mmCIF file of all heavy atoms, coordinates in Angstrom:
data_MODEL
# 
_entry.id   MODEL 
# 
loop_
_atom_site.group_PDB 
_atom_site.id 
_atom_site.type_symbol 
_atom_site.label_atom_id 
_atom_site.label_alt_id 
_atom_site.label_comp_id 
_atom_site.label_asym_id 
_atom_site.label_entity_id 
_atom_site.label_seq_id 
_atom_site.pdbx_PDB_ins_code 
_atom_site.Cartn_x 
_atom_site.Cartn_y 
_atom_site.Cartn_z 
_atom_site.occupancy 
_atom_site.B_iso_or_equiv 
_atom_site.pdbx_formal_charge 
_atom_site.auth_seq_id 
_atom_site.auth_comp_id 
_atom_site.auth_asym_id 
_atom_site.auth_atom_id 
_atom_site.pdbx_PDB_model_num 
ATOM 1   N N   . GLN A 1 1  ? 0.820   -1.206 -0.038 1.00 0.00 ? 1  GLN A N   1 
ATOM 2   C CA  . GLN A 1 1  ? 0.023   -0.046 0.015  1.00 0.00 ? 1  GLN A CA  1 
ATOM 3   C C   . GLN A 1 1  ? 0.902   1.240  0.011  1.00 0.00 ? 1  GLN A C   1 
ATOM 4   O O   . GLN A 1 1  ? 1.924   1.235  0.602  1.00 0.00 ? 1  GLN A O   1 
ATOM 5   C CB  . GLN A 1 1  ? -0.930  0.032  1.235  1.00 0.00 ? 1  GLN A CB  1 
ATOM 6   C CG  . GLN A 1 1  ? -1.971  -1.049 1.310  1.00 0.00 ? 1  GLN A CG  1 
ATOM 7   C CD  . GLN A 1 1  ? -2.702  -1.035 2.502  1.00 0.00 ? 1  GLN A CD  1 
ATOM 8   O OE1 . GLN A 1 1  ? -2.166  -0.703 3.592  1.00 0.00 ? 1  GLN A OE1 1 
ATOM 9   N NE2 . GLN A 1 1  ? -3.964  -1.436 2.453  1.00 0.00 ? 1  GLN A NE2 1 
ATOM 10  N N   . ILE A 1 2  ? 0.409   2.244  -0.708 1.00 0.00 ? 2  ILE A N   1 
ATOM 11  C CA  . ILE A 1 2  ? 1.121   3.539  -0.686 1.00 0.00 ? 2  ILE A CA  1 
ATOM 12  C C   . ILE A 1 2  ? 0.428   4.557  0.290  1.00 0.00 ? 2  ILE A C   1 
ATOM 13  O O   . ILE A 1 2  ? 0.973   5.666  0.493  1.00 0.00 ? 2  ILE A O   1 
ATOM 14  C CB  . ILE A 1 2  ? 1.249   4.100  -2.011 1.00 0.00 ? 2  ILE A CB  1 
ATOM 15  C CG1 . ILE A 1 2  ? -0.076  4.356  -2.774 1.00 0.00 ? 2  ILE A CG1 1 
ATOM 16  C CG2 . ILE A 1 2  ? 2.166   3.202  -2.942 1.00 0.00 ? 2  ILE A CG2 1 
ATOM 17  C CD1 . ILE A 1 2  ? 0.027   5.099  -4.014 1.00 0.00 ? 2  ILE A CD1 1 
ATOM 18  N N   . GLN A 1 3  ? -0.769  4.209  0.785  1.00 0.00 ? 3  GLN A N   1 
ATOM 19  C CA  . GLN A 1 3  ? -1.456  5.073  1.693  1.00 0.00 ? 3  GLN A CA  1 
ATOM 20  C C   . GLN A 1 3  ? -2.081  4.217  2.761  1.00 0.00 ? 3  GLN A C   1 
ATOM 21  O O   . GLN A 1 3  ? -2.607  3.183  2.541  1.00 0.00 ? 3  GLN A O   1 
ATOM 22  C CB  . GLN A 1 3  ? -2.523  5.953  1.075  1.00 0.00 ? 3  GLN A CB  1 
ATOM 23  C CG  . GLN A 1 3  ? -3.279  6.878  2.022  1.00 0.00 ? 3  GLN A CG  1 
ATOM 24  C CD  . GLN A 1 3  ? -4.327  7.696  1.412  1.00 0.00 ? 3  GLN A CD  1 
ATOM 25  O OE1 . GLN A 1 3  ? -4.495  7.634  0.186  1.00 0.00 ? 3  GLN A OE1 1 
ATOM 26  N NE2 . GLN A 1 3  ? -4.976  8.472  2.233  1.00 0.00 ? 3  GLN A NE2 1 
ATOM 27  N N   . LYS A 1 4  ? -1.892  4.667  4.106  1.00 0.00 ? 4  LYS A N   1 
ATOM 28  C CA  . LYS A 1 4  ? -2.511  3.850  5.135  1.00 0.00 ? 4  LYS A CA  1 
ATOM 29  C C   . LYS A 1 4  ? -3.329  4.863  6.023  1.00 0.00 ? 4  LYS A C   1 
ATOM 30  O O   . LYS A 1 4  ? -2.749  5.789  6.512  1.00 0.00 ? 4  LYS A O   1 
ATOM 31  C CB  . LYS A 1 4  ? -1.472  3.243  5.981  1.00 0.00 ? 4  LYS A CB  1 
ATOM 32  C CG  . LYS A 1 4  ? -1.874  2.198  6.992  1.00 0.00 ? 4  LYS A CG  1 
ATOM 33  C CD  . LYS A 1 4  ? -2.370  0.994  6.218  1.00 0.00 ? 4  LYS A CD  1 
ATOM 34  C CE  . LYS A 1 4  ? -2.390  -0.230 7.198  1.00 0.00 ? 4  LYS A CE  1 
ATOM 35  N NZ  . LYS A 1 4  ? -2.772  -1.442 6.427  1.00 0.00 ? 4  LYS A NZ  1 
ATOM 36  N N   . VAL A 1 5  ? -4.595  4.649  6.123  1.00 0.00 ? 5  VAL A N   1 
ATOM 37  C CA  . VAL A 1 5  ? -5.494  5.520  6.981  1.00 0.00 ? 5  VAL A CA  1 
ATOM 38  C C   . VAL A 1 5  ? -5.878  4.620  8.215  1.00 0.00 ? 5  VAL A C   1 
ATOM 39  O O   . VAL A 1 5  ? -6.280  3.497  8.052  1.00 0.00 ? 5  VAL A O   1 
ATOM 40  C CB  . VAL A 1 5  ? -6.706  5.857  6.257  1.00 0.00 ? 5  VAL A CB  1 
ATOM 41  C CG1 . VAL A 1 5  ? -7.628  6.656  7.208  1.00 0.00 ? 5  VAL A CG1 1 
ATOM 42  C CG2 . VAL A 1 5  ? -6.342  6.769  5.049  1.00 0.00 ? 5  VAL A CG2 1 
ATOM 43  N N   . ILE A 1 6  ? -5.555  5.189  9.375  1.00 0.00 ? 6  ILE A N   1 
ATOM 44  C CA  . ILE A 1 6  ? -5.759  4.386  10.603 1.00 0.00 ? 6  ILE A CA  1 
ATOM 45  C C   . ILE A 1 6  ? -6.771  5.197  11.494 1.00 0.00 ? 6  ILE A C   1 
ATOM 46  O O   . ILE A 1 6  ? -6.672  6.331  11.786 1.00 0.00 ? 6  ILE A O   1 
ATOM 47  C CB  . ILE A 1 6  ? -4.441  4.343  11.438 1.00 0.00 ? 6  ILE A CB  1 
ATOM 48  C CG1 . ILE A 1 6  ? -3.392  3.506  10.500 1.00 0.00 ? 6  ILE A CG1 1 
ATOM 49  C CG2 . ILE A 1 6  ? -4.687  3.646  12.758 1.00 0.00 ? 6  ILE A CG2 1 
ATOM 50  C CD1 . ILE A 1 6  ? -2.017  3.585  11.057 1.00 0.00 ? 6  ILE A CD1 1 
ATOM 51  N N   . GLU A 1 7  ? -7.834  4.572  11.825 1.00 0.00 ? 7  GLU A N   1 
ATOM 52  C CA  . GLU A 1 7  ? -8.901  5.019  12.655 1.00 0.00 ? 7  GLU A CA  1 
ATOM 53  C C   . GLU A 1 7  ? -8.585  4.692  14.032 1.00 0.00 ? 7  GLU A C   1 
ATOM 54  O O   . GLU A 1 7  ? -8.691  3.560  14.444 1.00 0.00 ? 7  GLU A O   1 
ATOM 55  C CB  . GLU A 1 7  ? -10.287 4.543  12.233 1.00 0.00 ? 7  GLU A CB  1 
ATOM 56  C CG  . GLU A 1 7  ? -10.680 4.945  10.865 1.00 0.00 ? 7  GLU A CG  1 
ATOM 57  C CD  . GLU A 1 7  ? -12.064 4.507  10.594 1.00 0.00 ? 7  GLU A CD  1 
ATOM 58  O OE1 . GLU A 1 7  ? -12.949 4.439  11.482 1.00 0.00 ? 7  GLU A OE1 1 
ATOM 59  O OE2 . GLU A 1 7  ? -12.323 4.223  9.382  1.00 0.00 ? 7  GLU A OE2 1 
ATOM 60  N N   . LEU A 1 8  ? -8.050  5.656  14.825 1.00 0.00 ? 8  LEU A N   1 
ATOM 61  C CA  . LEU A 1 8  ? -7.506  5.418  16.184 1.00 0.00 ? 8  LEU A CA  1 
ATOM 62  C C   . LEU A 1 8  ? -8.683  4.858  17.098 1.00 0.00 ? 8  LEU A C   1 
ATOM 63  O O   . LEU A 1 8  ? -8.422  4.056  17.971 1.00 0.00 ? 8  LEU A O   1 
ATOM 64  C CB  . LEU A 1 8  ? -6.971  6.698  16.815 1.00 0.00 ? 8  LEU A CB  1 
ATOM 65  C CG  . LEU A 1 8  ? -5.730  7.241  16.103 1.00 0.00 ? 8  LEU A CG  1 
ATOM 66  C CD1 . LEU A 1 8  ? -5.247  8.505  16.807 1.00 0.00 ? 8  LEU A CD1 1 
ATOM 67  C CD2 . LEU A 1 8  ? -4.584  6.260  16.156 1.00 0.00 ? 8  LEU A CD2 1 
ATOM 68  N N   . ASN A 1 9  ? -9.885  5.310  16.968 1.00 0.00 ? 9  ASN A N   1 
ATOM 69  C CA  . ASN A 1 9  ? -10.958 4.915  17.864 1.00 0.00 ? 9  ASN A CA  1 
ATOM 70  C C   . ASN A 1 9  ? -11.304 3.444  17.573 1.00 0.00 ? 9  ASN A C   1 
ATOM 71  O O   . ASN A 1 9  ? -12.079 2.832  18.350 1.00 0.00 ? 9  ASN A O   1 
ATOM 72  C CB  . ASN A 1 9  ? -12.244 5.766  17.685 1.00 0.00 ? 9  ASN A CB  1 
ATOM 73  C CG  . ASN A 1 9  ? -11.984 7.102  18.280 1.00 0.00 ? 9  ASN A CG  1 
ATOM 74  O OD1 . ASN A 1 9  ? -11.275 7.239  19.330 1.00 0.00 ? 9  ASN A OD1 1 
ATOM 75  N ND2 . ASN A 1 9  ? -12.527 8.178  17.785 1.00 0.00 ? 9  ASN A ND2 1 
ATOM 76  N N   . ASN A 1 10 ? -10.885 2.809  16.441 1.00 0.00 ? 10 ASN A N   1 
ATOM 77  C CA  . ASN A 1 10 ? -11.142 1.439  16.114 1.00 0.00 ? 10 ASN A CA  1 
ATOM 78  C C   . ASN A 1 10 ? -9.901  0.618  16.051 1.00 0.00 ? 10 ASN A C   1 
ATOM 79  O O   . ASN A 1 10 ? -9.792  -0.263 15.228 1.00 0.00 ? 10 ASN A O   1 
ATOM 80  C CB  . ASN A 1 10 ? -11.922 1.362  14.877 1.00 0.00 ? 10 ASN A CB  1 
ATOM 81  C CG  . ASN A 1 10 ? -13.353 2.023  14.977 1.00 0.00 ? 10 ASN A CG  1 
ATOM 82  O OD1 . ASN A 1 10 ? -14.027 1.811  16.002 1.00 0.00 ? 10 ASN A OD1 1 
ATOM 83  N ND2 . ASN A 1 10 ? -13.697 2.801  14.004 1.00 0.00 ? 10 ASN A ND2 1 
ATOM 84  N N   . SER A 1 11 ? -8.880  0.986  16.806 1.00 0.00 ? 11 SER A N   1 
ATOM 85  C CA  . SER A 1 11 ? -7.613  0.290  16.754 1.00 0.00 ? 11 SER A CA  1 
ATOM 86  C C   . SER A 1 11 ? -7.418  -0.638 17.928 1.00 0.00 ? 11 SER A C   1 
ATOM 87  O O   . SER A 1 11 ? -7.792  -0.306 18.995 1.00 0.00 ? 11 SER A O   1 
ATOM 88  C CB  . SER A 1 11 ? -6.484  1.387  16.761 1.00 0.00 ? 11 SER A CB  1 
ATOM 89  O OG  . SER A 1 11 ? -6.533  2.213  15.626 1.00 0.00 ? 11 SER A OG  1 
ATOM 90  N N   . TYR A 1 12 ? -6.805  -1.757 17.612 1.00 0.00 ? 12 TYR A N   1 
ATOM 91  C CA  . TYR A 1 12 ? -6.495  -2.829 18.588 1.00 0.00 ? 12 TYR A CA  1 
ATOM 92  C C   . TYR A 1 12 ? -5.056  -3.186 18.465 1.00 0.00 ? 12 TYR A C   1 
ATOM 93  O O   . TYR A 1 12 ? -4.427  -3.320 17.449 1.00 0.00 ? 12 TYR A O   1 
ATOM 94  C CB  . TYR A 1 12 ? -7.400  -3.998 18.352 1.00 0.00 ? 12 TYR A CB  1 
ATOM 95  C CG  . TYR A 1 12 ? -8.858  -3.754 18.573 1.00 0.00 ? 12 TYR A CG  1 
ATOM 96  C CD1 . TYR A 1 12 ? -9.682  -3.294 17.576 1.00 0.00 ? 12 TYR A CD1 1 
ATOM 97  C CD2 . TYR A 1 12 ? -9.387  -3.962 19.805 1.00 0.00 ? 12 TYR A CD2 1 
ATOM 98  C CE1 . TYR A 1 12 ? -11.041 -2.937 17.819 1.00 0.00 ? 12 TYR A CE1 1 
ATOM 99  C CE2 . TYR A 1 12 ? -10.641 -3.737 20.059 1.00 0.00 ? 12 TYR A CE2 1 
ATOM 100 C CZ  . TYR A 1 12 ? -11.561 -3.202 19.105 1.00 0.00 ? 12 TYR A CZ  1 
ATOM 101 O OH  . TYR A 1 12 ? -12.832 -2.898 19.330 1.00 0.00 ? 12 TYR A OH  1 
ATOM 102 N N   . LYS A 1 13 ? -4.553  -3.476 19.766 1.00 0.00 ? 13 LYS A N   1 
ATOM 103 C CA  . LYS A 1 13 ? -3.129  -3.937 19.830 1.00 0.00 ? 13 LYS A CA  1 
ATOM 104 C C   . LYS A 1 13 ? -3.011  -5.315 19.469 1.00 0.00 ? 13 LYS A C   1 
ATOM 105 O O   . LYS A 1 13 ? -4.045  -6.099 19.507 1.00 0.00 ? 13 LYS A O   1 
ATOM 106 C CB  . LYS A 1 13 ? -2.638  -3.638 21.235 1.00 0.00 ? 13 LYS A CB  1 
ATOM 107 C CG  . LYS A 1 13 ? -2.725  -2.187 21.618 1.00 0.00 ? 13 LYS A CG  1 
ATOM 108 C CD  . LYS A 1 13 ? -2.007  -1.896 22.932 1.00 0.00 ? 13 LYS A CD  1 
ATOM 109 C CE  . LYS A 1 13 ? -2.924  -2.233 24.079 1.00 0.00 ? 13 LYS A CE  1 
ATOM 110 N NZ  . LYS A 1 13 ? -2.344  -1.770 25.406 1.00 0.00 ? 13 LYS A NZ  1 
ATOM 111 N N   . ASP A 1 14 ? -1.840  -5.812 19.102 1.00 0.00 ? 14 ASP A N   1 
ATOM 112 C CA  . ASP A 1 14 ? -1.575  -7.222 18.912 1.00 0.00 ? 14 ASP A CA  1 
ATOM 113 C C   . ASP A 1 14 ? -1.940  -7.924 20.174 1.00 0.00 ? 14 ASP A C   1 
ATOM 114 O O   . ASP A 1 14 ? -1.568  -7.627 21.261 1.00 0.00 ? 14 ASP A O   1 
ATOM 115 C CB  . ASP A 1 14 ? -0.023  -7.427 18.576 1.00 0.00 ? 14 ASP A CB  1 
ATOM 116 C CG  . ASP A 1 14 ? 0.159   -8.750 17.976 1.00 0.00 ? 14 ASP A CG  1 
ATOM 117 O OD1 . ASP A 1 14 ? -0.701  -9.336 17.425 1.00 0.00 ? 14 ASP A OD1 1 
ATOM 118 O OD2 . ASP A 1 14 ? 1.301   -9.259 18.276 1.00 0.00 ? 14 ASP A OD2 1 
ATOM 119 N N   . GLY A 1 15 ? -2.917  -8.907 20.034 1.00 0.00 ? 15 GLY A N   1 
ATOM 120 C CA  . GLY A 1 15 ? -3.383  -9.629 21.229 1.00 0.00 ? 15 GLY A CA  1 
ATOM 121 C C   . GLY A 1 15 ? -4.777  -9.273 21.443 1.00 0.00 ? 15 GLY A C   1 
ATOM 122 O O   . GLY A 1 15 ? -5.479  -9.914 22.238 1.00 0.00 ? 15 GLY A O   1 
ATOM 123 N N   . GLY A 1 16 ? -5.354  -8.257 20.776 1.00 0.00 ? 16 GLY A N   1 
ATOM 124 C CA  . GLY A 1 16 ? -6.795  -7.952 20.826 1.00 0.00 ? 16 GLY A CA  1 
ATOM 125 C C   . GLY A 1 16 ? -7.270  -6.936 21.830 1.00 0.00 ? 16 GLY A C   1 
ATOM 126 O O   . GLY A 1 16 ? -8.414  -6.568 21.786 1.00 0.00 ? 16 GLY A O   1 
ATOM 127 N N   . ASN A 1 17 ? -6.354  -6.336 22.635 1.00 0.00 ? 17 ASN A N   1 
ATOM 128 C CA  . ASN A 1 17 ? -6.844  -5.312 23.538 1.00 0.00 ? 17 ASN A CA  1 
ATOM 129 C C   . ASN A 1 17 ? -6.972  -3.938 22.678 1.00 0.00 ? 17 ASN A C   1 
ATOM 130 O O   . ASN A 1 17 ? -6.123  -3.655 21.793 1.00 0.00 ? 17 ASN A O   1 
ATOM 131 C CB  . ASN A 1 17 ? -5.752  -5.050 24.516 1.00 0.00 ? 17 ASN A CB  1 
ATOM 132 C CG  . ASN A 1 17 ? -5.703  -6.232 25.543 1.00 0.00 ? 17 ASN A CG  1 
ATOM 133 O OD1 . ASN A 1 17 ? -6.715  -6.818 25.818 1.00 0.00 ? 17 ASN A OD1 1 
ATOM 134 N ND2 . ASN A 1 17 ? -4.579  -6.541 26.067 1.00 0.00 ? 17 ASN A ND2 1 
ATOM 135 N N   . LYS A 1 18 ? -7.849  -3.203 23.041 1.00 0.00 ? 18 LYS A N   1 
ATOM 136 C CA  . LYS A 1 18 ? -8.231  -1.922 22.394 1.00 0.00 ? 18 LYS A CA  1 
ATOM 137 C C   . LYS A 1 18 ? -7.050  -0.923 22.748 1.00 0.00 ? 18 LYS A C   1 
ATOM 138 O O   . LYS A 1 18 ? -6.616  -0.753 23.827 1.00 0.00 ? 18 LYS A O   1 
ATOM 139 C CB  . LYS A 1 18 ? -9.583  -1.420 22.854 1.00 0.00 ? 18 LYS A CB  1 
ATOM 140 C CG  . LYS A 1 18 ? -10.066 -0.242 22.011 1.00 0.00 ? 18 LYS A CG  1 
ATOM 141 C CD  . LYS A 1 18 ? -11.560 -0.081 22.160 1.00 0.00 ? 18 LYS A CD  1 
ATOM 142 C CE  . LYS A 1 18 ? -12.077 1.109  21.445 1.00 0.00 ? 18 LYS A CE  1 
ATOM 143 N NZ  . LYS A 1 18 ? -11.932 1.031  20.007 1.00 0.00 ? 18 LYS A NZ  1 
ATOM 144 N N   . LEU A 1 19 ? -6.688  -0.140 21.658 1.00 0.00 ? 19 LEU A N   1 
ATOM 145 C CA  . LEU A 1 19 ? -5.632  0.835  21.862 1.00 0.00 ? 19 LEU A CA  1 
ATOM 146 C C   . LEU A 1 19 ? -6.375  2.093  22.455 1.00 0.00 ? 19 LEU A C   1 
ATOM 147 O O   . LEU A 1 19 ? -7.515  2.456  22.104 1.00 0.00 ? 19 LEU A O   1 
ATOM 148 C CB  . LEU A 1 19 ? -5.099  1.278  20.474 1.00 0.00 ? 19 LEU A CB  1 
ATOM 149 C CG  . LEU A 1 19 ? -4.089  2.430  20.405 1.00 0.00 ? 19 LEU A CG  1 
ATOM 150 C CD1 . LEU A 1 19 ? -2.783  1.917  20.935 1.00 0.00 ? 19 LEU A CD1 1 
ATOM 151 C CD2 . LEU A 1 19 ? -3.962  3.006  18.993 1.00 0.00 ? 19 LEU A CD2 1 
ATOM 152 N N   . ASP A 1 20 ? -5.696  2.705  23.391 1.00 0.00 ? 20 ASP A N   1 
ATOM 153 C CA  . ASP A 1 20 ? -6.241  3.922  24.061 1.00 0.00 ? 20 ASP A CA  1 
ATOM 154 C C   . ASP A 1 20 ? -5.760  5.222  23.257 1.00 0.00 ? 20 ASP A C   1 
ATOM 155 O O   . ASP A 1 20 ? -4.610  5.667  23.425 1.00 0.00 ? 20 ASP A O   1 
ATOM 156 C CB  . ASP A 1 20 ? -5.804  4.048  25.515 1.00 0.00 ? 20 ASP A CB  1 
ATOM 157 C CG  . ASP A 1 20 ? -6.393  5.273  26.207 1.00 0.00 ? 20 ASP A CG  1 
ATOM 158 O OD1 . ASP A 1 20 ? -7.054  6.075  25.538 1.00 0.00 ? 20 ASP A OD1 1 
ATOM 159 O OD2 . ASP A 1 20 ? -6.205  5.355  27.457 1.00 0.00 ? 20 ASP A OD2 1 
ATOM 160 N N   . PRO A 1 21 ? -6.531  5.718  22.365 1.00 0.00 ? 21 PRO A N   1 
ATOM 161 C CA  . PRO A 1 21 ? -6.134  6.849  21.536 1.00 0.00 ? 21 PRO A CA  1 
ATOM 162 C C   . PRO A 1 21 ? -5.830  8.159  22.220 1.00 0.00 ? 21 PRO A C   1 
ATOM 163 O O   . PRO A 1 21 ? -5.207  9.080  21.715 1.00 0.00 ? 21 PRO A O   1 
ATOM 164 C CB  . PRO A 1 21 ? -7.205  7.016  20.541 1.00 0.00 ? 21 PRO A CB  1 
ATOM 165 C CG  . PRO A 1 21 ? -8.468  6.439  21.192 1.00 0.00 ? 21 PRO A CG  1 
ATOM 166 C CD  . PRO A 1 21 ? -7.985  5.340  22.076 1.00 0.00 ? 21 PRO A CD  1 
ATOM 167 N N   . SER A 1 22 ? -6.205  8.226  23.495 1.00 0.00 ? 22 SER A N   1 
ATOM 168 C CA  . SER A 1 22 ? -5.965  9.464  24.314 1.00 0.00 ? 22 SER A CA  1 
ATOM 169 C C   . SER A 1 22 ? -4.585  9.442  24.885 1.00 0.00 ? 22 SER A C   1 
ATOM 170 O O   . SER A 1 22 ? -4.098  10.465 25.463 1.00 0.00 ? 22 SER A O   1 
ATOM 171 C CB  . SER A 1 22 ? -6.979  9.616  25.385 1.00 0.00 ? 22 SER A CB  1 
ATOM 172 O OG  . SER A 1 22 ? -6.814  8.648  26.431 1.00 0.00 ? 22 SER A OG  1 
ATOM 173 N N   . HIS A 1 23 ? -3.905  8.362  24.809 1.00 0.00 ? 23 HIS A N   1 
ATOM 174 C CA  . HIS A 1 23 ? -2.529  8.189  25.348 1.00 0.00 ? 23 HIS A CA  1 
ATOM 175 C C   . HIS A 1 23 ? -1.495  7.568  24.347 1.00 0.00 ? 23 HIS A C   1 
ATOM 176 O O   . HIS A 1 23 ? -1.053  6.449  24.617 1.00 0.00 ? 23 HIS A O   1 
ATOM 177 C CB  . HIS A 1 23 ? -2.538  7.391  26.593 1.00 0.00 ? 23 HIS A CB  1 
ATOM 178 C CG  . HIS A 1 23 ? -3.302  8.066  27.788 1.00 0.00 ? 23 HIS A CG  1 
ATOM 179 N ND1 . HIS A 1 23 ? -4.546  7.927  27.948 1.00 0.00 ? 23 HIS A ND1 1 
ATOM 180 C CD2 . HIS A 1 23 ? -2.795  8.839  28.716 1.00 0.00 ? 23 HIS A CD2 1 
ATOM 181 C CE1 . HIS A 1 23 ? -4.956  8.560  29.051 1.00 0.00 ? 23 HIS A CE1 1 
ATOM 182 N NE2 . HIS A 1 23 ? -3.871  9.215  29.511 1.00 0.00 ? 23 HIS A NE2 1 
ATOM 183 N N   . ILE A 1 24 ? -1.353  8.180  23.243 1.00 0.00 ? 24 ILE A N   1 
ATOM 184 C CA  . ILE A 1 24 ? -0.277  7.723  22.237 1.00 0.00 ? 24 ILE A CA  1 
ATOM 185 C C   . ILE A 1 24 ? 1.034   8.272  22.729 1.00 0.00 ? 24 ILE A C   1 
ATOM 186 O O   . ILE A 1 24 ? 1.235   9.468  22.704 1.00 0.00 ? 24 ILE A O   1 
ATOM 187 C CB  . ILE A 1 24 ? -0.621  8.143  20.844 1.00 0.00 ? 24 ILE A CB  1 
ATOM 188 C CG1 . ILE A 1 24 ? -2.035  7.671  20.449 1.00 0.00 ? 24 ILE A CG1 1 
ATOM 189 C CG2 . ILE A 1 24 ? 0.391   7.624  19.887 1.00 0.00 ? 24 ILE A CG2 1 
ATOM 190 C CD1 . ILE A 1 24 ? -2.161  6.115  20.389 1.00 0.00 ? 24 ILE A CD1 1 
ATOM 191 N N   . TYR A 1 25 ? 1.867   7.355  23.154 1.00 0.00 ? 25 TYR A N   1 
ATOM 192 C CA  . TYR A 1 25 ? 3.227   7.794  23.571 1.00 0.00 ? 25 TYR A CA  1 
ATOM 193 C C   . TYR A 1 25 ? 4.293   7.608  22.505 1.00 0.00 ? 25 TYR A C   1 
ATOM 194 O O   . TYR A 1 25 ? 5.248   8.518  22.396 1.00 0.00 ? 25 TYR A O   1 
ATOM 195 C CB  . TYR A 1 25 ? 3.771   6.957  24.774 1.00 0.00 ? 25 TYR A CB  1 
ATOM 196 C CG  . TYR A 1 25 ? 2.922   7.309  26.069 1.00 0.00 ? 25 TYR A CG  1 
ATOM 197 C CD1 . TYR A 1 25 ? 1.847   6.497  26.461 1.00 0.00 ? 25 TYR A CD1 1 
ATOM 198 C CD2 . TYR A 1 25 ? 3.271   8.332  26.840 1.00 0.00 ? 25 TYR A CD2 1 
ATOM 199 C CE1 . TYR A 1 25 ? 1.185   6.835  27.624 1.00 0.00 ? 25 TYR A CE1 1 
ATOM 200 C CE2 . TYR A 1 25 ? 2.636   8.686  27.994 1.00 0.00 ? 25 TYR A CE2 1 
ATOM 201 C CZ  . TYR A 1 25 ? 1.508   7.923  28.388 1.00 0.00 ? 25 TYR A CZ  1 
ATOM 202 O OH  . TYR A 1 25 ? 0.831   8.198  29.506 1.00 0.00 ? 25 TYR A OH  1 
ATOM 203 N N   . ILE A 1 26 ? 4.169   6.601  21.723 1.00 0.00 ? 26 ILE A N   1 
ATOM 204 C CA  . ILE A 1 26 ? 5.187   6.366  20.641 1.00 0.00 ? 26 ILE A CA  1 
ATOM 205 C C   . ILE A 1 26 ? 4.488   6.045  19.369 1.00 0.00 ? 26 ILE A C   1 
ATOM 206 O O   . ILE A 1 26 ? 3.592   5.239  19.400 1.00 0.00 ? 26 ILE A O   1 
ATOM 207 C CB  . ILE A 1 26 ? 6.124   5.216  21.023 1.00 0.00 ? 26 ILE A CB  1 
ATOM 208 C CG1 . ILE A 1 26 ? 6.813   5.490  22.436 1.00 0.00 ? 26 ILE A CG1 1 
ATOM 209 C CG2 . ILE A 1 26 ? 7.166   4.942  20.025 1.00 0.00 ? 26 ILE A CG2 1 
ATOM 210 C CD1 . ILE A 1 26 ? 7.458   4.234  23.023 1.00 0.00 ? 26 ILE A CD1 1 
ATOM 211 N N   . ALA A 1 27 ? 4.967   6.604  18.320 1.00 0.00 ? 27 ALA A N   1 
ATOM 212 C CA  . ALA A 1 27 ? 4.464   6.263  16.996 1.00 0.00 ? 27 ALA A CA  1 
ATOM 213 C C   . ALA A 1 27 ? 5.641   6.132  16.107 1.00 0.00 ? 27 ALA A C   1 
ATOM 214 O O   . ALA A 1 27 ? 6.561   6.999  16.084 1.00 0.00 ? 27 ALA A O   1 
ATOM 215 C CB  . ALA A 1 27 ? 3.510   7.330  16.435 1.00 0.00 ? 27 ALA A CB  1 
ATOM 216 N N   . GLY A 1 28 ? 5.787   4.999  15.339 1.00 0.00 ? 28 GLY A N   1 
ATOM 217 C CA  . GLY A 1 28 ? 6.982   4.900  14.515 1.00 0.00 ? 28 GLY A CA  1 
ATOM 218 C C   . GLY A 1 28 ? 6.828   3.824  13.486 1.00 0.00 ? 28 GLY A C   1 
ATOM 219 O O   . GLY A 1 28 ? 5.842   3.012  13.501 1.00 0.00 ? 28 GLY A O   1 
# 
């Protein structure tokens, strides 16, 4: 893909736990 759109409110971590979009500490 040359474009990736990520909806933070519908994001899950590896293992199935929901990502907390109000506390993003690292993006890379």
